[in-house]
Amino acid sequence: MLEPEYNFPFLAMKDGDSFVIPTNSPEIIRNIILREAKRFGVKVKLSCRVEEGILCVRCWMLERYGRKDT
C-alpha cells in the first residue's frame, strides 16, 4: 500500500495561520508535519484534537527561522 502524499501550505502561511489534517493516526501525522516544518524552516505548534466530531491534528505556524521583521 502506498503512503499518501501530503502538501503543506508553509510557503503561503503567515505567522498565526493554521491548517488541520483529519487522521486516525495523529502521532504519525504529527511526526510528518514536524519533519516538513523543519525542512521548510518554520516553527510550528501542533495539537491533536477533535473538531466537529473528527479526530485531527491542527498545526499553527509560529515563525520562520532567521526571519527579521522590519
PDB file of N, CA and C in Angstrom:
ATOM      1  N   MET A   1       0.836  -1.172   0.000  1.00  0.00           N
ATOM      2  CA  MET A   1       0.000   0.000   0.000  1.00  0.00           C
ATOM      3  C   MET A   1       0.889   1.245   0.000  1.00  0.00           C
ATOM      4  N   LEU A   2       0.592   2.191  -0.869  1.00  0.00           N
ATOM      5  CA  LEU A   2       1.365   3.417  -0.948  1.00  0.00           C
ATOM      6  C   LEU A   2       0.946   4.396   0.130  1.00  0.00           C
ATOM      7  N   GLU A   3       1.934   5.126   0.641  1.00  0.00           N
ATOM      8  CA  GLU A   3       1.645   6.171   1.612  1.00  0.00           C
ATOM      9  C   GLU A   3       1.019   7.361   0.888  1.00  0.00           C
ATOM     10  N   PRO A   4       0.105   8.066   1.524  1.00  0.00           N
ATOM     11  CA  PRO A   4      -0.458   9.265   0.883  1.00  0.00           C
ATOM     12  C   PRO A   4       0.596  10.355   0.764  1.00  0.00           C
ATOM     13  N   GLU A   5       0.417  11.239  -0.209  1.00  0.00           N
ATOM     14  CA  GLU A   5       1.316  12.367  -0.384  1.00  0.00           C
ATOM     15  C   GLU A   5       0.687  13.579   0.280  1.00  0.00           C
ATOM     16  N   TYR A   6       1.455  14.260   1.116  1.00  0.00           N
ATOM     17  CA  TYR A   6       0.961  15.436   1.821  1.00  0.00           C
ATOM     18  C   TYR A   6       1.618  16.678   1.243  1.00  0.00           C
ATOM     19  N   ASN A   7       0.830  17.721   1.044  1.00  0.00           N
ATOM     20  CA  ASN A   7       1.335  19.015   0.616  1.00  0.00           C
ATOM     21  C   ASN A   7       0.959  20.028   1.685  1.00  0.00           C
ATOM     22  N   PHE A   8       1.965  20.577   2.344  1.00  0.00           N
ATOM     23  CA  PHE A   8       1.716  21.524   3.422  1.00  0.00           C
ATOM     24  C   PHE A   8       1.872  22.948   2.901  1.00  0.00           C
ATOM     25  N   PRO A   9       1.011  23.866   3.354  1.00  0.00           N
ATOM     26  CA  PRO A   9       0.994  25.229   2.810  1.00  0.00           C
ATOM     27  C   PRO A   9       1.965  26.194   3.493  1.00  0.00           C
ATOM     28  N   PHE A  10       3.104  25.708   3.997  1.00  0.00           N
ATOM     29  CA  PHE A  10       4.005  26.561   4.768  1.00  0.00           C
ATOM     30  C   PHE A  10       4.445  27.812   4.006  1.00  0.00           C
ATOM     31  N   LEU A  11       4.695  27.717   2.725  1.00  0.00           N
ATOM     32  CA  LEU A  11       5.174  28.874   1.961  1.00  0.00           C
ATOM     33  C   LEU A  11       4.114  29.964   1.848  1.00  0.00           C
ATOM     34  N   ALA A  12       2.848  29.596   1.873  1.00  0.00           N
ATOM     35  CA  ALA A  12       1.758  30.568   1.737  1.00  0.00           C
ATOM     36  C   ALA A  12       1.252  31.070   3.094  1.00  0.00           C
ATOM     37  N   MET A  13       1.781  30.524   4.176  1.00  0.00           N
ATOM     38  CA  MET A  13       1.267  30.854   5.507  1.00  0.00           C
ATOM     39  C   MET A  13       1.982  32.046   6.122  1.00  0.00           C
ATOM     40  N   LYS A  14       1.240  32.776   6.973  1.00  0.00           N
ATOM     41  CA  LYS A  14       1.796  33.842   7.792  1.00  0.00           C
ATOM     42  C   LYS A  14       1.775  33.352   9.241  1.00  0.00           C
ATOM     43  N   ASP A  15       2.537  34.041  10.082  1.00  0.00           N
ATOM     44  CA  ASP A  15       2.545  33.696  11.499  1.00  0.00           C
ATOM     45  C   ASP A  15       1.122  33.693  12.040  1.00  0.00           C
ATOM     46  N   GLY A  16       0.761  32.629  12.748  1.00  0.00           N
ATOM     47  CA  GLY A  16      -0.568  32.506  13.337  1.00  0.00           C
ATOM     48  C   GLY A  16      -1.565  31.744  12.478  1.00  0.00           C
ATOM     49  N   ASP A  17      -1.267  31.560  11.184  1.00  0.00           N
ATOM     50  CA  ASP A  17      -2.146  30.772  10.318  1.00  0.00           C
ATOM     51  C   ASP A  17      -2.095  29.307  10.743  1.00  0.00           C
ATOM     52  N   SER A  18      -3.169  28.571  10.441  1.00  0.00           N
ATOM     53  CA  SER A  18      -3.189  27.153  10.788  1.00  0.00           C
ATOM     54  C   SER A  18      -3.874  26.342   9.705  1.00  0.00           C
ATOM     55  N   PHE A  19      -3.629  25.040   9.766  1.00  0.00           N
ATOM     56  CA  PHE A  19      -4.342  24.092   8.923  1.00  0.00           C
ATOM     57  C   PHE A  19      -4.630  22.853   9.752  1.00  0.00           C
ATOM     58  N   VAL A  20      -5.552  22.029   9.275  1.00  0.00           N
ATOM     59  CA  VAL A  20      -5.940  20.832  10.007  1.00  0.00           C
ATOM     60  C   VAL A  20      -5.895  19.630   9.071  1.00  0.00           C
ATOM     61  N   ILE A  21      -5.475  18.477   9.626  1.00  0.00           N
ATOM     62  CA  ILE A  21      -5.452  17.234   8.866  1.00  0.00           C
ATOM     63  C   ILE A  21      -6.234  16.187   9.652  1.00  0.00           C
ATOM     64  N   PRO A  22      -7.360  15.716   9.112  1.00  0.00           N
ATOM     65  CA  PRO A  22      -8.099  14.629   9.763  1.00  0.00           C
ATOM     66  C   PRO A  22      -7.266  13.341   9.691  1.00  0.00           C
ATOM     67  N   THR A  23      -7.273  12.561  10.762  1.00  0.00           N
ATOM     68  CA  THR A  23      -6.442  11.357  10.786  1.00  0.00           C
ATOM     69  C   THR A  23      -6.914  10.379  11.857  1.00  0.00           C
ATOM     70  N   ASN A  24      -6.614   9.126  11.632  1.00  0.00           N
ATOM     71  CA  ASN A  24      -6.791   8.106  12.663  1.00  0.00           C
ATOM     72  C   ASN A  24      -5.461   7.776  13.326  1.00  0.00           C
ATOM     73  N   SER A  25      -4.369   8.389  12.818  1.00  0.00           N
ATOM     74  CA  SER A  25      -3.019   8.150  13.341  1.00  0.00           C
ATOM     75  C   SER A  25      -2.340   9.493  13.640  1.00  0.00           C
ATOM     76  N   PRO A  26      -2.779  10.191  14.686  1.00  0.00           N
ATOM     77  CA  PRO A  26      -2.244  11.532  14.938  1.00  0.00           C
ATOM     78  C   PRO A  26      -0.736  11.569  15.181  1.00  0.00           C
ATOM     79  N   GLU A  27      -0.169  10.561  15.800  1.00  0.00           N
ATOM     80  CA  GLU A  27       1.272  10.581  16.072  1.00  0.00           C
ATOM     81  C   GLU A  27       2.077  10.502  14.777  1.00  0.00           C
ATOM     82  N   ILE A  28       1.610   9.725  13.819  1.00  0.00           N
ATOM     83  CA  ILE A  28       2.294   9.636  12.524  1.00  0.00           C
ATOM     84  C   ILE A  28       2.218  10.975  11.799  1.00  0.00           C
ATOM     85  N   ILE A  29       1.033  11.576  11.754  1.00  0.00           N
ATOM     86  CA  ILE A  29       0.853  12.875  11.089  1.00  0.00           C
ATOM     87  C   ILE A  29       1.688  13.935  11.791  1.00  0.00           C
ATOM     88  N   ARG A  30       1.698  13.903  13.103  1.00  0.00           N
ATOM     89  CA  ARG A  30       2.493  14.867  13.876  1.00  0.00           C
ATOM     90  C   ARG A  30       3.960  14.796  13.473  1.00  0.00           C
ATOM     91  N   ASN A  31       4.505  13.602  13.385  1.00  0.00           N
ATOM     92  CA  ASN A  31       5.911  13.434  13.015  1.00  0.00           C
ATOM     93  C   ASN A  31       6.181  13.911  11.589  1.00  0.00           C
ATOM     94  N   ILE A  32       5.260  13.648  10.680  1.00  0.00           N
ATOM     95  CA  ILE A  32       5.418  14.102   9.292  1.00  0.00           C
ATOM     96  C   ILE A  32       5.417  15.626   9.237  1.00  0.00           C
ATOM     97  N   ILE A  33       4.491  16.255   9.940  1.00  0.00           N
ATOM     98  CA  ILE A  33       4.421  17.719   9.938  1.00  0.00           C
ATOM     99  C   ILE A  33       5.701  18.318  10.531  1.00  0.00           C
ATOM    100  N   LEU A  34       6.178  17.773  11.635  1.00  0.00           N
ATOM    101  CA  LEU A  34       7.403  18.290  12.250  1.00  0.00           C
ATOM    102  C   LEU A  34       8.602  18.167  11.307  1.00  0.00           C
ATOM    103  N   ARG A  35       8.701  17.049  10.617  1.00  0.00           N
ATOM    104  CA  ARG A  35       9.798  16.848   9.659  1.00  0.00           C
ATOM    105  C   ARG A  35       9.734  17.878   8.532  1.00  0.00           C
ATOM    106  N   GLU A  36       8.539  18.081   7.989  1.00  0.00           N
ATOM    107  CA  GLU A  36       8.390  19.026   6.872  1.00  0.00           C
ATOM    108  C   GLU A  36       8.568  20.476   7.337  1.00  0.00           C
ATOM    109  N   ALA A  37       8.109  20.798   8.535  1.00  0.00           N
ATOM    110  CA  ALA A  37       8.301  22.150   9.065  1.00  0.00           C
ATOM    111  C   ALA A  37       9.793  22.456   9.193  1.00  0.00           C
ATOM    112  N   LYS A  38      10.540  21.499   9.663  1.00  0.00           N
ATOM    113  CA  LYS A  38      11.995  21.678   9.775  1.00  0.00           C
ATOM    114  C   LYS A  38      12.604  21.890   8.394  1.00  0.00           C
ATOM    115  N   ARG A  39      12.149  21.117   7.421  1.00  0.00           N
ATOM    116  CA  ARG A  39      12.670  21.228   6.057  1.00  0.00           C
ATOM    117  C   ARG A  39      12.373  22.610   5.464  1.00  0.00           C
ATOM    118  N   PHE A  40      11.205  23.177   5.782  1.00  0.00           N
ATOM    119  CA  PHE A  40      10.815  24.495   5.279  1.00  0.00           C
ATOM    120  C   PHE A  40      11.316  25.636   6.160  1.00  0.00           C
ATOM    121  N   GLY A  41      11.928  25.303   7.294  1.00  0.00           N
ATOM    122  CA  GLY A  41      12.464  26.328   8.181  1.00  0.00           C
ATOM    123  C   GLY A  41      11.407  27.109   8.935  1.00  0.00           C
ATOM    124  N   VAL A  42      10.366  26.417   9.384  1.00  0.00           N
ATOM    125  CA  VAL A  42       9.318  27.090  10.153  1.00  0.00           C
ATOM    126  C   VAL A  42       9.143  26.432  11.518  1.00  0.00           C
ATOM    127  N   LYS A  43       8.774  27.250  12.491  1.00  0.00           N
ATOM    128  CA  LYS A  43       8.463  26.757  13.826  1.00  0.00           C
ATOM    129  C   LYS A  43       6.953  26.607  13.905  1.00  0.00           C
ATOM    130  N   VAL A  44       6.480  25.461  14.390  1.00  0.00           N
ATOM    131  CA  VAL A  44       5.047  25.189  14.438  1.00  0.00           C
ATOM    132  C   VAL A  44       4.625  24.744  15.832  1.00  0.00           C
ATOM    133  N   LYS A  45       3.332  24.854  16.075  1.00  0.00           N
ATOM    134  CA  LYS A  45       2.700  24.292  17.276  1.00  0.00           C
ATOM    135  C   LYS A  45       1.652  23.315  16.784  1.00  0.00           C
ATOM    136  N   LEU A  46       1.618  22.127  17.375  1.00  0.00           N
ATOM    137  CA  LEU A  46       0.681  21.085  16.960  1.00  0.00           C
ATOM    138  C   LEU A  46      -0.248  20.711  18.106  1.00  0.00           C
ATOM    139  N   SER A  47      -1.466  20.350  17.740  1.00  0.00           N
ATOM    140  CA  SER A  47      -2.440  19.909  18.735  1.00  0.00           C
ATOM    141  C   SER A  47      -3.281  18.790  18.146  1.00  0.00           C
ATOM    142  N   CYS A  48      -3.314  17.649  18.855  1.00  0.00           N
ATOM    143  CA  CYS A  48      -4.211  16.560  18.487  1.00  0.00           C
ATOM    144  C   CYS A  48      -5.538  16.875  19.162  1.00  0.00           C
ATOM    145  N   ARG A  49      -6.617  16.899  18.379  1.00  0.00           N
ATOM    146  CA  ARG A  49      -7.905  17.327  18.912  1.00  0.00           C
ATOM    147  C   ARG A  49      -9.054  16.706  18.144  1.00  0.00           C
ATOM    148  N   VAL A  50     -10.235  16.908  18.640  1.00  0.00           N
ATOM    149  CA  VAL A  50     -11.453  16.501  17.946  1.00  0.00           C
ATOM    150  C   VAL A  50     -12.167  17.783  17.534  1.00  0.00           C
ATOM    151  N   GLU A  51     -12.345  17.969  16.231  1.00  0.00           N
ATOM    152  CA  GLU A  51     -13.050  19.137  15.709  1.00  0.00           C
ATOM    153  C   GLU A  51     -14.247  18.651  14.908  1.00  0.00           C
ATOM    154  N   GLU A  52     -15.408  19.139  15.269  1.00  0.00           N
ATOM    155  CA  GLU A  52     -16.661  18.738  14.619  1.00  0.00           C
ATOM    156  C   GLU A  52     -16.813  17.215  14.586  1.00  0.00           C
ATOM    157  N   GLY A  53     -16.393  16.570  15.689  1.00  0.00           N
ATOM    158  CA  GLY A  53     -16.528  15.133  15.835  1.00  0.00           C
ATOM    159  C   GLY A  53     -15.492  14.305  15.093  1.00  0.00           C
ATOM    160  N   ILE A  54     -14.454  14.963  14.543  1.00  0.00           N
ATOM    161  CA  ILE A  54     -13.440  14.254  13.750  1.00  0.00           C
ATOM    162  C   ILE A  54     -12.081  14.405  14.422  1.00  0.00           C
ATOM    163  N   LEU A  55     -11.382  13.288  14.640  1.00  0.00           N
ATOM    164  CA  LEU A  55     -10.035  13.305  15.186  1.00  0.00           C
ATOM    165  C   LEU A  55      -9.096  13.918  14.153  1.00  0.00           C
ATOM    166  N   CYS A  56      -8.282  14.883  14.597  1.00  0.00           N
ATOM    167  CA  CYS A  56      -7.393  15.550  13.648  1.00  0.00           C
ATOM    168  C   CYS A  56      -6.174  16.116  14.364  1.00  0.00           C
ATOM    169  N   VAL A  57      -5.240  16.600  13.555  1.00  0.00           N
ATOM    170  CA  VAL A  57      -4.078  17.330  14.055  1.00  0.00           C
ATOM    171  C   VAL A  57      -4.166  18.732  13.463  1.00  0.00           C
ATOM    172  N   ARG A  58      -4.147  19.752  14.324  1.00  0.00           N
ATOM    173  CA  ARG A  58      -4.117  21.145  13.859  1.00  0.00           C
ATOM    174  C   ARG A  58      -2.697  21.658  14.026  1.00  0.00           C
ATOM    175  N   CYS A  59      -2.232  22.396  13.014  1.00  0.00           N
ATOM    176  CA  CYS A  59      -0.876  22.933  13.000  1.00  0.00           C
ATOM    177  C   CYS A  59      -0.940  24.442  12.825  1.00  0.00           C
ATOM    178  N   TRP A  60      -0.325  25.168  13.753  1.00  0.00           N
ATOM    179  CA  TRP A  60      -0.200  26.614  13.650  1.00  0.00           C
ATOM    180  C   TRP A  60       1.243  26.950  13.292  1.00  0.00           C
ATOM    181  N   MET A  61       1.440  27.871  12.359  1.00  0.00           N
ATOM    182  CA  MET A  61       2.788  28.337  12.069  1.00  0.00           C
ATOM    183  C   MET A  61       3.097  29.486  13.015  1.00  0.00           C
ATOM    184  N   LEU A  62       4.195  29.353  13.755  1.00  0.00           N
ATOM    185  CA  LEU A  62       4.568  30.380  14.720  1.00  0.00           C
ATOM    186  C   LEU A  62       5.538  31.396  14.119  1.00  0.00           C
ATOM    187  N   GLU A  63       6.550  30.911  13.394  1.00  0.00           N
ATOM    188  CA  GLU A  63       7.519  31.814  12.781  1.00  0.00           C
ATOM    189  C   GLU A  63       8.413  31.054  11.812  1.00  0.00           C
ATOM    190  N   ARG A  64       9.079  31.822  10.951  1.00  0.00           N
ATOM    191  CA  ARG A  64      10.110  31.266  10.070  1.00  0.00           C
ATOM    192  C   ARG A  64      11.450  31.500  10.741  1.00  0.00           C
ATOM    193  N   TYR A  65      12.342  30.504  10.677  1.00  0.00           N
ATOM    194  CA  TYR A  65      13.665  30.641  11.279  1.00  0.00           C
ATOM    195  C   TYR A  65      14.453  31.709  10.547  1.00  0.00           C
ATOM    196  N   GLY A  66      15.136  32.547  11.314  1.00  0.00           N
ATOM    197  CA  GLY A  66      16.038  33.519  10.731  1.00  0.00           C
ATOM    198  C   GLY A  66      15.376  34.723  10.091  1.00  0.00           C
ATOM    199  N   ARG A  67      14.056  34.838  10.151  1.00  0.00           N
ATOM    200  CA  ARG A  67      13.380  35.962   9.529  1.00  0.00           C
ATOM    201  C   ARG A  67      13.481  37.172  10.450  1.00  0.00           C
ATOM    202  N   LYS A  68      13.772  38.306   9.840  1.00  0.00           N
ATOM    203  CA  LYS A  68      13.819  39.546  10.595  1.00  0.00           C
ATOM    204  C   LYS A  68      12.743  40.462  10.075  1.00  0.00           C
ATOM    205  N   ASP A  69      11.742  40.763  10.898  1.00  0.00           N
ATOM    206  CA  ASP A  69      10.684  41.697  10.513  1.00  0.00           C
ATOM    207  C   ASP A  69      11.178  43.120  10.724  1.00  0.00           C
ATOM    208  N   THR A  70      10.825  44.005   9.795  1.00  0.00           N
ATOM    209  CA  THR A  70      11.246  45.413   9.941  1.00  0.00           C
ATOM    210  C   THR A  70      10.043  46.304  10.089  1.00  0.00           C
TER     211      THR A  70
END
